[in-house]
Amino acid sequence: MRVLLVNPPPPKGALSEELQAPHIGLAYLAAVLEREGHKVWVIDSHPLGLESLKLLPLIAKSINPDVVGLTSTTFTINQAYEAAKAVKAALPDVKVLMGGPHVTFMDAEALSTGYVDAVIRGEGEETLLEVLSRIEEGRGLEGVKGVSYVSQRGAIKREPARPLIEDLDSLPYPSYDHLPLEAYRSFGLKPTLPILTSRGCPFRCKFCVSWKIYQGRYRQRSPKNVVDEIEHHVERYRVTDFSFVDDLFTLSKKRVKEICREIRSRGLEISWGCSARVDTIDAELLREMRKAGCHTVYFGVESGSQRVLDSMGKGFSSSKTEEAFKLCKRLGLSTVASVILFWPDETREEVKETLRFVRRLDADLAQFCIATPFPGTDLFENLKARGMLKVLDWSKYDIVTPVFETPQFSISYMSRLWKQAYLTFYLRPSYIAKQLAKRSLPLLRAMVHMLKRALLWRLGLKELALRRLKGALPKVLLKTFYSGRRGPCPASSLEGHPAYRKVLTSSRGELEA
């Protein structure tokens, strides 16, 4: 079958993030579908410069897919619904499927739009293959585990959850052949590819939905399979920088050490970063990671208040956090501290305590998030039950916009203090001097990006921060939709193709308008 996979653009006027890495979920789906003989196209809207949904039906018509699959987060779900509507208007007979964390828990919302034929809940690879088989055979979706749809009687039918994939090594490597790799840059520098070495997390943080999606299970790939993938990407895509995007890469010290030793034994000259819990690392592990090319460790610090950490369900002490940052600094690893501000029962003094704590950690970068109750999380259910949710416009669920109030924090107060958190962290003379002394271009660019985010978001200057790729779009589209052979494609190779000529001509006109 002909399948078009789409990641919709962020809401209009949103502050664009630096393009860190390709969409690994779509890349996995593309690889699985191609292995089973399906013809696949992938549109990752934002890096392609496709901010306008007007372009999507034009592209879809030129491809003429049997099925369009849309993925989305809560933040982009409204755009996904608009995309589904646009596709259905252009191609009424096409089947529109939707997946992703938001619709896994809000399947009824998606199906009620009238533009979505089925929702794939949770892990999507096996469910999508079975759904495509049913569509190809002209059969209904009754009995397909992991799918939701509207029955012939008009009722929403939610089939039982699908068992998780037990052998992750059996999956093909994610395919980035259809994605514009030249458009993904880590703070404007070299391209970075994501690597997923495990799925799930055994911890149950109340702000996180991952453990519910993966049914509280943690599964991991073998070290050899992981490094085989890295080697494949180095050879195929000429990429040497990677990001391990597991929910918790360092859960098994033994496995991480084996991955690091495998990287070194093959002589792979790569660099990489990863996420870690502060209570899952030690000096021996960090040394092995650094010798294998690790340059940055991302920690979910969340709070400097032990009471708030306990309320979040984090399960570690703030003293462990301090130990982890000191250890990374001593061993020459850069650190990123991710913080969640304005937890529902947090006090103003506890927020200030957290800001002091993060400055004391002396992290290289800090990310300050406003507590956001994403559907499916314990936080969402708690606030909904207490009637505290003030905003149900999903486009505001961007981790920097307050969507609930507490007796301690009004929405305006949270916005002001969020800006202050960034400014007081990044404008410290000691911090600026330290980063300049390091002469680390990635860190300096990241620092500027974080400051820009804080300064522009609330000052009505969002449009100044949007980076559009109009000039690069025609060439990028050619490379993305080229599927006549594997590997890179020169822009001139499809200039005479009538279907692509139509897409590119329409794209140029829309962009110039």
Foldseek 3Di string as FASTA:
>chain_A
DEEEEEEFDFDPLFQDDAQAADDQLVLLQVQLCVVVPYHYFYDDQQLLLNNDLVLLLLLCVLSVGQEYEYEYFLQCVVRVLVNLVSNCVSPVRHAYEYEYDQCLQVVVVSQVSVSHAKYAHFRRRVLVVVVVVCVVVVHDCPPRARMWGQDPVRHIDHHHHDQDDQAPLPGDRRHCQQPLQVSGDQLPHAGEYEFEFKAEDQFAFQLDQRCVSNVNDIHGHALVSRVVSVVVCCVFVVAAEYEHEYPAPQQDLVRLLSNLVVLVVVVRRHAYEYEHELVRDDLVSVLSNVVSHYAEYEYALAFCDQVVCVVRRVPDHSVSVLVSLVSCVVNRHAYEYEYEPCQQVDAPVRRVSRLVSVLVSLHLYYHYFYRARRPNGNSVVVCVVVVFFQDPSSSQRPRQFDGGAHPRDDRVRSLVVSLVSLCVRLVDPVSVVVCVVVVDVSSVSVNVSSNCCSVQPPPVNSVVSRDGDLVCNLQSNQSNPDDPDGGGDGSPPCCPPVSSVSSSVVSNVVVVD
